[in-house]
Amino acid sequence: MERLQNLIGTIRSRRLLFDLGQVGAATTVANVLLYLFQLVVGRSLGPEDYSLFSALFGIVYLGSNLANSVQVSVAKLVSGALARNDSTQAGTIVTSILMQVIVIGAFLFGAFALAASSIASYLHSDSVIPVLITGLVIILFLWVPVTMGALQGAERFRAYAGVLLTFASTRLLFAIAALATNLGTLGVLVGAGIASLVTAITGLALVKPPITIRKITYPDRESFLKVLPAAVIGTIAIGLPGSADLFLVRHFFSAEQAGLYAGASILGKVVLILPMAVSTVLLPRFTHDRTLENTSLRLLYRGVLLTAVISGATCVGFVLLPRLALSILLGPEYASADSLVPLYAITMFLFSLSVVFLHYNFAAGQTTYFYFILLPHLALQIILVYAFHQTLSQVLMILLATHVSLLICSYLFTWILGSHQTSQEARL
């Protein structure tokens, strides 16, 4: 029996590494294609038209927090249904959430339509048509995380990687086609919408067993709305570094200092983002084990170790050679930010470990973690930076201290929870 358990553990470990390799490689290629997309559009449109496009596309990406929250929510619900061997319920969950996302998108488009004139005027656009098209793109963009979440929850990571690459590549190809036919900003926006539609349809086609379209039922709606708030908090937390702190630094410091801080934050976010594939792969496995009332602490610590290796190696490089990293990645004008990089990189290393605990507690349905540990730390971080900001080093020390506290609290909360559940299982 022990040999069988060891064999199963070995197979799961090998599959975990294989899935991590697929998702990690696909994410890297997708990011490169996204960079090429921005490069091609920027060079072809020119500064004036590109400024309008980037502002409108920035609105699309503002919805990425909601989109990522939808994805992890779908992944959790689908994984839980499949753990109970209820593939029909998994299909119903996907289609019901897709319907709800369509309704949400319709409301967002209505808001865009009402505010189109004001937005166009604010962006100095001569027409409201680009704004209206942006609204349509958002509707289509929100379909993608539903299908991505379904594939993630079903642990079909080869298909997940393929759909991710489909999204990035079709968006680039449609942009090139639009620019080659002189369709300009409107053509690129329409192409991005079509790319979202193609990706969503491809994702639905790859989900197996076949999804059965059914009427939205109240239990599905309630389940989705029950997990969504925690997902939103977690997604905001992951997106907070390099956004809220940059906003405050820009307000309290000179443009030059804020620019150097922004350069350091770009490198720091690399430390955070690189190991994100670990959480992507582990979330459905956490959910599967928790649905079957297994603690899966061993899998959690394995995920923390993998994250520490990936994130730690990058962090060490930035700590030892910050000036070289800045010069290569951002240019010599950012080299004077070398004193900021080590602290930011170490902070993001600690946060990357907390992210694994975040996904574990999300899979376990522990909303207490999000409301009483994660959210207070996020608020405390912003309040402290707002109150104490004499130097950039002081800002970074505040970030470091809050993330040290977050990691310790995340570990203690999860360990106490896991120990309690283990003792309950032993009594049974």
Protein backbone atom coordinates (compact mmCIF):
# COMPACT_ATOMS: atom_id res chain seq x y z
CA MET A 1 0.00 0.00 0.00
CA GLU A 2 2.83 2.35 0.88
CA ARG A 3 4.57 1.61 -2.42
CA LEU A 4 1.36 2.37 -4.30
CA GLN A 5 1.02 5.71 -2.50
CA ASN A 6 4.65 6.55 -3.31
CA LEU A 7 4.07 5.65 -6.97
CA ILE A 8 0.97 7.86 -7.13
CA GLY A 9 2.90 10.69 -5.49
CA THR A 10 5.74 10.32 -8.02
CA ILE A 11 3.32 10.36 -10.97
CA ARG A 12 1.55 13.42 -9.61
CA SER A 13 4.90 15.18 -9.11
CA ARG A 14 5.99 14.46 -12.68
CA ARG A 15 2.62 15.56 -14.04
CA LEU A 16 2.82 18.71 -11.93
CA LEU A 17 6.22 19.61 -13.39
CA PHE A 18 5.01 18.80 -16.91
CA ASP A 19 1.93 21.00 -16.49
CA LEU A 20 4.05 23.78 -15.02
CA GLY A 21 6.36 23.59 -18.03
CA GLN A 22 3.46 23.85 -20.47
CA VAL A 23 1.74 26.75 -18.72
CA GLY A 24 5.00 28.56 -18.01
CA ALA A 25 6.21 28.28 -21.61
CA ALA A 26 2.83 29.34 -23.03
CA THR A 27 2.65 32.33 -20.67
CA THR A 28 6.14 33.45 -21.66
CA VAL A 29 5.38 33.21 -25.39
CA ALA A 30 2.02 34.96 -24.90
CA ASN A 31 3.75 37.86 -23.11
CA VAL A 32 6.27 38.15 -25.95
CA LEU A 33 3.41 38.22 -28.49
CA LEU A 34 1.65 40.88 -26.42
CA TYR A 35 4.83 42.98 -26.49
CA LEU A 36 5.06 42.52 -30.27
CA PHE A 37 1.38 43.51 -30.55
CA GLN A 38 2.04 46.79 -28.76
CA LEU A 39 5.24 47.35 -30.75
CA VAL A 40 3.57 46.77 -34.15
CA VAL A 41 0.56 48.91 -33.30
CA GLY A 42 2.69 51.70 -31.84
CA ARG A 43 5.06 51.85 -34.82
CA SER A 44 2.26 51.70 -37.39
CA LEU A 45 -0.21 54.16 -35.88
CA GLY A 46 2.25 56.84 -34.85
CA PRO A 47 2.28 58.79 -31.56
CA GLU A 48 -1.03 60.62 -31.97
CA ASP A 49 -3.24 57.67 -32.97
CA TYR A 50 -1.36 55.28 -30.68
CA SER A 51 -2.04 57.51 -27.68
CA LEU A 52 -5.79 57.17 -28.36
CA PHE A 53 -5.51 53.42 -28.91
CA SER A 54 -3.45 52.87 -25.74
CA ALA A 55 -5.92 54.92 -23.68
CA LEU A 56 -8.88 52.92 -24.99
CA PHE A 57 -7.07 49.60 -24.68
CA GLY A 58 -6.09 50.62 -21.16
CA ILE A 59 -9.80 50.72 -20.35
CA VAL A 60 -10.07 47.13 -21.56
CA TYR A 61 -7.23 46.08 -19.29
CA LEU A 62 -8.86 47.82 -16.34
CA GLY A 63 -11.41 45.03 -16.59
CA SER A 64 -8.67 42.42 -16.33
CA ASN A 65 -9.08 42.27 -12.53
CA LEU A 66 -12.72 41.27 -13.01
CA ALA A 67 -11.70 38.89 -15.82
CA ASN A 68 -9.05 37.16 -13.69
CA SER A 69 -11.51 36.92 -10.80
CA VAL A 70 -14.02 35.23 -13.09
CA GLN A 71 -11.38 32.77 -14.30
CA VAL A 72 -10.31 31.57 -10.86
CA SER A 73 -13.96 31.40 -9.73
CA VAL A 74 -14.87 29.21 -12.71
CA ALA A 75 -11.78 27.05 -12.15
CA LYS A 76 -12.68 26.47 -8.50
CA LEU A 77 -16.34 25.61 -9.19
CA VAL A 78 -15.55 23.34 -12.15
CA SER A 79 -12.80 21.52 -10.26
CA GLY A 80 -15.13 20.96 -7.31
CA ALA A 81 -17.84 19.52 -9.56
CA LEU A 82 -15.39 17.21 -11.34
CA ALA A 83 -14.00 16.04 -7.98
CA ARG A 84 -17.54 14.83 -7.25
CA ASN A 85 -17.56 13.14 -10.70
CA ASP A 86 -20.37 15.44 -11.80
CA SER A 87 -19.32 16.47 -15.31
CA THR A 88 -22.83 17.63 -16.18
CA GLN A 89 -22.82 20.07 -13.28
CA ALA A 90 -19.39 21.29 -14.39
CA GLY A 91 -20.80 22.06 -17.83
CA THR A 92 -23.81 23.79 -16.33
CA ILE A 93 -21.54 25.94 -14.17
CA VAL A 94 -19.53 27.09 -17.19
CA THR A 95 -22.53 27.95 -19.35
CA SER A 96 -24.44 29.65 -16.54
CA ILE A 97 -21.47 31.86 -15.65
CA LEU A 98 -20.96 32.61 -19.34
CA MET A 99 -24.56 33.82 -19.52
CA GLN A 100 -24.05 35.99 -16.45
CA VAL A 101 -20.86 37.46 -17.89
CA ILE A 102 -22.76 38.33 -21.07
CA VAL A 103 -25.33 40.18 -18.96
CA ILE A 104 -22.56 42.01 -17.07
CA GLY A 105 -20.94 42.91 -20.39
CA ALA A 106 -24.24 44.27 -21.70
CA PHE A 107 -24.53 46.56 -18.67
CA LEU A 108 -20.93 47.71 -19.16
CA PHE A 109 -21.62 48.45 -22.82
CA GLY A 110 -24.70 50.42 -21.82
CA ALA A 111 -22.58 52.47 -19.45
CA PHE A 112 -20.05 53.03 -22.24
CA ALA A 113 -22.77 54.10 -24.63
CA LEU A 114 -24.14 56.63 -22.14
CA ALA A 115 -20.69 58.03 -21.37
CA ALA A 116 -19.30 57.72 -24.92
CA SER A 117 -19.44 61.44 -25.70
CA SER A 118 -17.78 62.40 -22.43
CA ILE A 119 -15.05 59.77 -22.80
CA ALA A 120 -14.37 60.79 -26.41
CA SER A 121 -14.17 64.45 -25.38
CA TYR A 122 -11.83 63.65 -22.47
CA LEU A 123 -9.54 61.67 -24.80
CA HIS A 124 -9.74 64.40 -27.48
CA SER A 125 -11.26 61.97 -29.99
CA ASP A 126 -13.26 63.40 -32.89
CA SER A 127 -15.64 60.41 -32.90
CA VAL A 128 -17.47 58.30 -30.32
CA ILE A 129 -17.20 55.19 -32.53
CA PRO A 130 -13.82 54.05 -31.06
CA VAL A 131 -15.32 54.30 -27.56
CA LEU A 132 -18.39 52.26 -28.55
CA ILE A 133 -16.21 49.62 -30.19
CA THR A 134 -14.12 49.47 -27.01
CA GLY A 135 -17.33 48.66 -25.13
CA LEU A 136 -18.03 45.78 -27.49
CA VAL A 137 -14.45 44.54 -27.10
CA ILE A 138 -14.91 44.44 -23.32
CA ILE A 139 -18.01 42.24 -23.69
CA LEU A 140 -16.08 39.76 -25.85
CA PHE A 141 -12.97 40.04 -23.68
CA LEU A 142 -14.95 38.87 -20.62
CA TRP A 143 -15.89 35.62 -22.39
CA VAL A 144 -12.28 34.45 -22.51
CA PRO A 145 -11.69 33.93 -18.74
CA VAL A 146 -14.80 31.73 -18.53
CA THR A 147 -13.40 29.22 -21.01
CA MET A 148 -9.88 29.56 -19.62
CA GLY A 149 -11.23 28.90 -16.13
CA ALA A 150 -13.10 25.84 -17.39
CA LEU A 151 -9.91 24.39 -18.87
CA GLN A 152 -7.94 25.27 -15.73
CA GLY A 153 -10.55 23.66 -13.48
CA ALA A 154 -10.59 20.52 -15.63
CA GLU A 155 -6.76 20.44 -15.44
CA ARG A 156 -6.52 20.37 -19.24
CA PHE A 157 -3.37 22.42 -19.26
CA ARG A 158 -2.25 21.46 -22.76
CA ALA A 159 -5.51 22.90 -24.09
CA TYR A 160 -5.17 25.82 -21.64
CA ALA A 161 -1.74 26.64 -23.05
CA GLY A 162 -3.05 26.31 -26.61
CA VAL A 163 -5.97 28.67 -25.96
CA LEU A 164 -3.65 31.18 -24.28
CA LEU A 165 -1.39 31.16 -27.35
CA THR A 166 -4.46 31.38 -29.62
CA PHE A 167 -5.57 34.54 -27.85
CA ALA A 168 -2.17 36.20 -28.09
CA SER A 169 -1.40 35.14 -31.67
CA THR A 170 -4.83 35.94 -33.19
CA ARG A 171 -4.82 39.37 -31.56
CA LEU A 172 -1.43 40.08 -33.16
CA LEU A 173 -2.43 38.68 -36.56
CA PHE A 174 -5.70 40.61 -36.70
CA ALA A 175 -3.83 43.78 -35.73
CA ILE A 176 -1.30 43.26 -38.54
CA ALA A 177 -4.14 42.63 -41.02
CA ALA A 178 -6.03 45.74 -39.87
CA LEU A 179 -2.94 47.93 -40.14
CA ALA A 180 -1.99 46.46 -43.53
CA THR A 181 -5.42 47.43 -44.88
CA ASN A 182 -5.21 50.94 -43.39
CA LEU A 183 -8.08 50.37 -40.95
CA GLY A 184 -6.14 52.09 -38.18
CA THR A 185 -7.26 52.25 -34.56
CA LEU A 186 -10.78 51.04 -35.29
CA GLY A 187 -9.50 48.01 -37.18
CA VAL A 188 -7.10 47.03 -34.39
CA LEU A 189 -9.85 47.31 -31.77
CA VAL A 190 -12.26 45.24 -33.90
CA GLY A 191 -9.49 42.69 -34.44
CA ALA A 192 -8.95 42.43 -30.67
CA GLY A 193 -12.66 41.75 -30.23
CA ILE A 194 -12.68 39.07 -32.92
CA ALA A 195 -9.59 37.49 -31.33
CA SER A 196 -11.47 37.29 -28.01
CA LEU A 197 -14.45 35.66 -29.72
CA VAL A 198 -12.27 33.12 -31.55
CA THR A 199 -10.45 32.30 -28.29
CA ALA A 200 -13.69 31.82 -26.34
CA ILE A 201 -15.15 29.52 -29.00
CA THR A 202 -11.90 27.53 -29.21
CA GLY A 203 -11.84 27.12 -25.44
CA LEU A 204 -15.43 25.88 -25.32
CA ALA A 205 -14.68 23.41 -28.11
CA LEU A 206 -11.73 21.97 -26.17
CA VAL A 207 -13.55 21.46 -22.86
CA LYS A 208 -14.52 17.81 -22.39
CA PRO A 209 -16.95 16.26 -21.58
CA PRO A 210 -19.14 18.33 -23.90
CA ILE A 211 -20.78 21.28 -22.19
CA THR A 212 -24.57 21.17 -22.10
CA ILE A 213 -26.27 24.56 -22.44
CA ARG A 214 -28.85 24.84 -19.71
CA LYS A 215 -30.96 27.55 -18.14
CA ILE A 216 -29.19 29.43 -15.36
CA THR A 217 -30.22 27.98 -12.03
CA TYR A 218 -30.18 29.83 -8.74
CA PRO A 219 -27.73 27.42 -7.04
CA ASP A 220 -25.17 28.06 -9.82
CA ARG A 221 -25.68 31.81 -9.57
CA GLU A 222 -25.37 31.76 -5.80
CA SER A 223 -22.23 29.62 -5.96
CA PHE A 224 -20.60 32.01 -8.41
CA LEU A 225 -21.48 35.09 -6.40
CA LYS A 226 -20.32 33.35 -3.23
CA VAL A 227 -16.78 32.75 -4.47
CA LEU A 228 -16.43 35.91 -6.59
CA PRO A 229 -15.77 38.46 -3.77
CA ALA A 230 -12.79 36.50 -2.45
CA ALA A 231 -11.54 36.07 -6.02
CA VAL A 232 -11.78 39.83 -6.61
CA ILE A 233 -9.86 40.60 -3.41
CA GLY A 234 -7.16 38.09 -4.34
CA THR A 235 -6.86 39.41 -7.88
CA ILE A 236 -6.63 43.00 -6.68
CA ALA A 237 -3.96 41.96 -4.19
CA ILE A 238 -1.86 40.38 -6.93
CA GLY A 239 -2.31 43.44 -9.16
CA LEU A 240 -1.61 45.96 -6.38
CA PRO A 241 2.23 45.96 -6.55
CA GLY A 242 3.32 48.36 -9.25
CA SER A 243 -0.05 50.11 -9.34
CA ALA A 244 -1.25 51.57 -6.01
CA ASP A 245 2.28 52.21 -4.75
CA LEU A 246 3.23 53.83 -8.06
CA PHE A 247 0.17 56.08 -7.86
CA LEU A 248 1.17 57.26 -4.38
CA VAL A 249 4.84 57.65 -5.27
CA ARG A 250 3.92 59.69 -8.33
CA HIS A 251 1.86 61.98 -6.06
CA PHE A 252 4.41 62.45 -3.28
CA PHE A 253 7.73 62.43 -5.17
CA SER A 254 9.23 64.20 -8.15
CA ALA A 255 8.72 62.86 -11.66
CA GLU A 256 12.33 61.70 -11.82
CA GLN A 257 12.14 59.82 -8.51
CA ALA A 258 8.81 58.30 -9.45
CA GLY A 259 10.28 57.17 -12.76
CA LEU A 260 13.18 55.42 -11.04
CA TYR A 261 10.77 53.76 -8.62
CA ALA A 262 8.66 52.62 -11.58
CA GLY A 263 11.75 51.04 -13.14
CA ALA A 264 12.50 49.16 -9.93
CA SER A 265 8.88 48.00 -9.73
CA ILE A 266 9.01 46.55 -13.25
CA LEU A 267 11.89 44.30 -12.22
CA GLY A 268 10.19 43.47 -8.95
CA LYS A 269 7.02 42.37 -10.70
CA VAL A 270 9.07 39.94 -12.79
CA VAL A 271 9.93 38.16 -9.51
CA LEU A 272 6.21 37.95 -8.72
CA ILE A 273 4.89 37.01 -12.15
CA LEU A 274 7.41 34.34 -13.19
CA PRO A 275 6.22 31.66 -10.72
CA MET A 276 2.51 32.44 -11.25
CA ALA A 277 2.16 29.28 -13.36
CA VAL A 278 2.59 27.29 -10.13
CA SER A 279 -0.62 28.70 -8.65
CA THR A 280 -2.42 28.34 -11.99
CA VAL A 281 -1.69 24.61 -12.03
CA LEU A 282 -2.20 24.00 -8.31
CA LEU A 283 -5.54 25.79 -7.84
CA PRO A 284 -7.72 23.02 -9.36
CA ARG A 285 -5.70 20.38 -7.51
CA PHE A 286 -6.16 22.20 -4.24
CA THR A 287 -9.89 22.43 -4.97
CA HIS A 288 -10.10 18.74 -5.89
CA ASP A 289 -8.45 17.68 -2.64
CA ARG A 290 -10.46 20.10 -0.50
CA THR A 291 -13.72 18.95 -2.12
CA LEU A 292 -12.82 15.40 -1.10
CA GLU A 293 -12.00 16.77 2.39
CA ASN A 294 -8.27 16.19 2.09
CA THR A 295 -6.01 18.88 3.55
CA SER A 296 -3.50 18.71 0.63
CA LEU A 297 -0.91 20.44 2.84
CA ARG A 298 1.84 18.36 1.27
CA LEU A 299 0.86 19.69 -2.16
CA LEU A 300 0.75 23.22 -0.75
CA TYR A 301 4.28 23.04 0.62
CA ARG A 302 5.48 21.54 -2.66
CA GLY A 303 3.96 24.52 -4.44
CA VAL A 304 5.63 26.94 -2.02
CA LEU A 305 8.97 25.22 -2.63
CA LEU A 306 8.62 25.39 -6.44
CA THR A 307 7.64 29.05 -6.20
CA ALA A 308 10.58 29.78 -3.91
CA VAL A 309 12.99 28.19 -6.40
CA ILE A 310 11.65 30.06 -9.46
CA SER A 311 11.07 33.39 -7.76
CA GLY A 312 14.14 33.11 -5.54
CA ALA A 313 16.54 32.53 -8.42
CA THR A 314 15.26 35.66 -10.18
CA CYS A 315 15.34 37.63 -6.94
CA VAL A 316 18.95 36.68 -6.23
CA GLY A 317 19.98 37.84 -9.70
CA PHE A 318 18.31 41.23 -9.24
CA VAL A 319 19.74 41.65 -5.72
CA LEU A 320 23.29 40.85 -6.80
CA LEU A 321 23.27 42.69 -10.15
CA PRO A 322 20.59 45.40 -9.98
CA ARG A 323 22.44 47.97 -12.09
CA LEU A 324 23.18 45.46 -14.84
CA ALA A 325 19.57 44.23 -14.86
CA LEU A 326 18.24 47.78 -15.09
CA SER A 327 20.63 48.71 -17.89
CA ILE A 328 19.81 45.63 -19.96
CA LEU A 329 16.05 45.60 -19.47
CA LEU A 330 15.23 49.32 -19.23
CA GLY A 331 18.28 51.22 -20.40
CA PRO A 332 21.18 53.06 -18.75
CA GLU A 333 18.98 56.01 -17.71
CA TYR A 334 17.38 53.75 -15.06
CA ALA A 335 20.71 52.55 -13.64
CA SER A 336 20.51 54.96 -10.68
CA ALA A 337 17.50 53.00 -9.39
CA ASP A 338 19.87 50.17 -8.44
CA SER A 339 19.51 50.90 -4.72
CA LEU A 340 15.74 50.35 -4.94
CA VAL A 341 15.73 47.07 -6.83
CA PRO A 342 16.96 44.69 -4.07
CA LEU A 343 14.27 45.72 -1.57
CA TYR A 344 11.51 45.57 -4.18
CA ALA A 345 12.70 42.19 -5.46
CA ILE A 346 12.85 40.69 -1.94
CA THR A 347 9.38 42.07 -1.19
CA MET A 348 7.94 40.49 -4.31
CA PHE A 349 9.71 37.21 -3.51
CA LEU A 350 7.91 37.10 -0.16
CA PHE A 351 4.62 38.02 -1.80
CA SER A 352 5.01 35.28 -4.43
CA LEU A 353 5.04 32.75 -1.56
CA SER A 354 1.94 34.36 -0.02
CA VAL A 355 0.17 34.02 -3.39
CA VAL A 356 0.40 30.22 -3.11
CA PHE A 357 -1.25 30.37 0.32
CA LEU A 358 -3.82 32.75 -1.17
CA HIS A 359 -4.84 30.22 -3.82
CA TYR A 360 -4.88 27.37 -1.29
CA ASN A 361 -7.28 29.23 1.00
CA PHE A 362 -9.41 30.25 -1.97
CA ALA A 363 -9.70 26.59 -2.97
CA ALA A 364 -10.58 25.72 0.64
CA GLY A 365 -13.35 28.32 0.67
CA GLN A 366 -11.72 30.16 3.57
CA THR A 367 -13.21 33.62 3.06
CA THR A 368 -11.98 34.50 6.57
CA TYR A 369 -8.46 34.59 5.18
CA PHE A 370 -9.41 37.16 2.54
CA TYR A 371 -11.50 39.42 4.78
CA PHE A 372 -9.41 39.31 7.96
CA ILE A 373 -5.84 38.69 6.79
CA LEU A 374 -5.34 39.65 3.16
CA LEU A 375 -7.61 42.70 2.95
CA PRO A 376 -6.35 44.33 6.19
CA HIS A 377 -2.75 43.94 5.02
CA LEU A 378 -3.56 45.60 1.70
CA ALA A 379 -5.31 48.49 3.44
CA LEU A 380 -2.50 48.83 6.00
CA GLN A 381 0.09 48.99 3.26
CA ILE A 382 -1.66 51.84 1.46
CA ILE A 383 -2.36 53.75 4.70
CA LEU A 384 1.23 53.49 5.89
CA VAL A 385 2.68 54.61 2.56
CA TYR A 386 0.24 57.52 2.51
CA ALA A 387 1.26 58.53 6.03
CA PHE A 388 5.01 57.86 5.89
CA HIS A 389 6.83 58.66 2.64
CA GLN A 390 9.87 60.77 3.42
CA THR A 391 12.08 58.71 1.13
CA LEU A 392 11.63 55.97 -1.46
CA SER A 393 13.55 53.61 0.82
CA GLN A 394 10.97 54.26 3.55
CA VAL A 395 8.18 53.36 1.13
CA LEU A 396 9.96 50.13 0.24
CA MET A 397 10.57 49.26 3.88
CA ILE A 398 6.82 49.64 4.52
CA LEU A 399 6.07 47.29 1.63
CA LEU A 400 8.66 44.80 2.89
CA ALA A 401 7.33 44.88 6.46
CA THR A 402 3.70 44.38 5.44
CA HIS A 403 4.59 41.47 3.15
CA VAL A 404 6.67 39.81 5.86
CA SER A 405 3.65 40.08 8.14
CA LEU A 406 1.32 38.80 5.40
CA LEU A 407 3.48 35.74 4.75
CA ILE A 408 3.73 34.88 8.45
CA CYS A 409 -0.01 35.33 8.99
CA SER A 410 -0.79 33.32 5.84
CA TYR A 411 1.39 30.45 7.02
CA LEU A 412 0.01 30.46 10.58
CA PHE A 413 -3.61 30.65 9.40
CA THR A 414 -3.15 27.80 6.92
CA TRP A 415 -1.13 25.68 9.35
CA ILE A 416 -3.68 26.08 12.16
CA LEU A 417 -6.52 25.33 9.73
CA GLY A 418 -4.72 22.28 8.35
CA SER A 419 -3.83 20.97 11.82
CA HIS A 420 -7.43 21.33 12.96
CA GLN A 421 -8.75 19.45 9.93
CA THR A 422 -6.11 16.74 10.31
CA SER A 423 -7.09 16.19 13.94
CA GLN A 424 -10.75 15.95 12.93
CA GLU A 425 -9.91 13.34 10.28
CA ALA A 426 -7.91 11.37 12.86
CA ARG A 427 -10.87 11.31 15.27
CA LEU A 428 -13.12 10.04 12.49
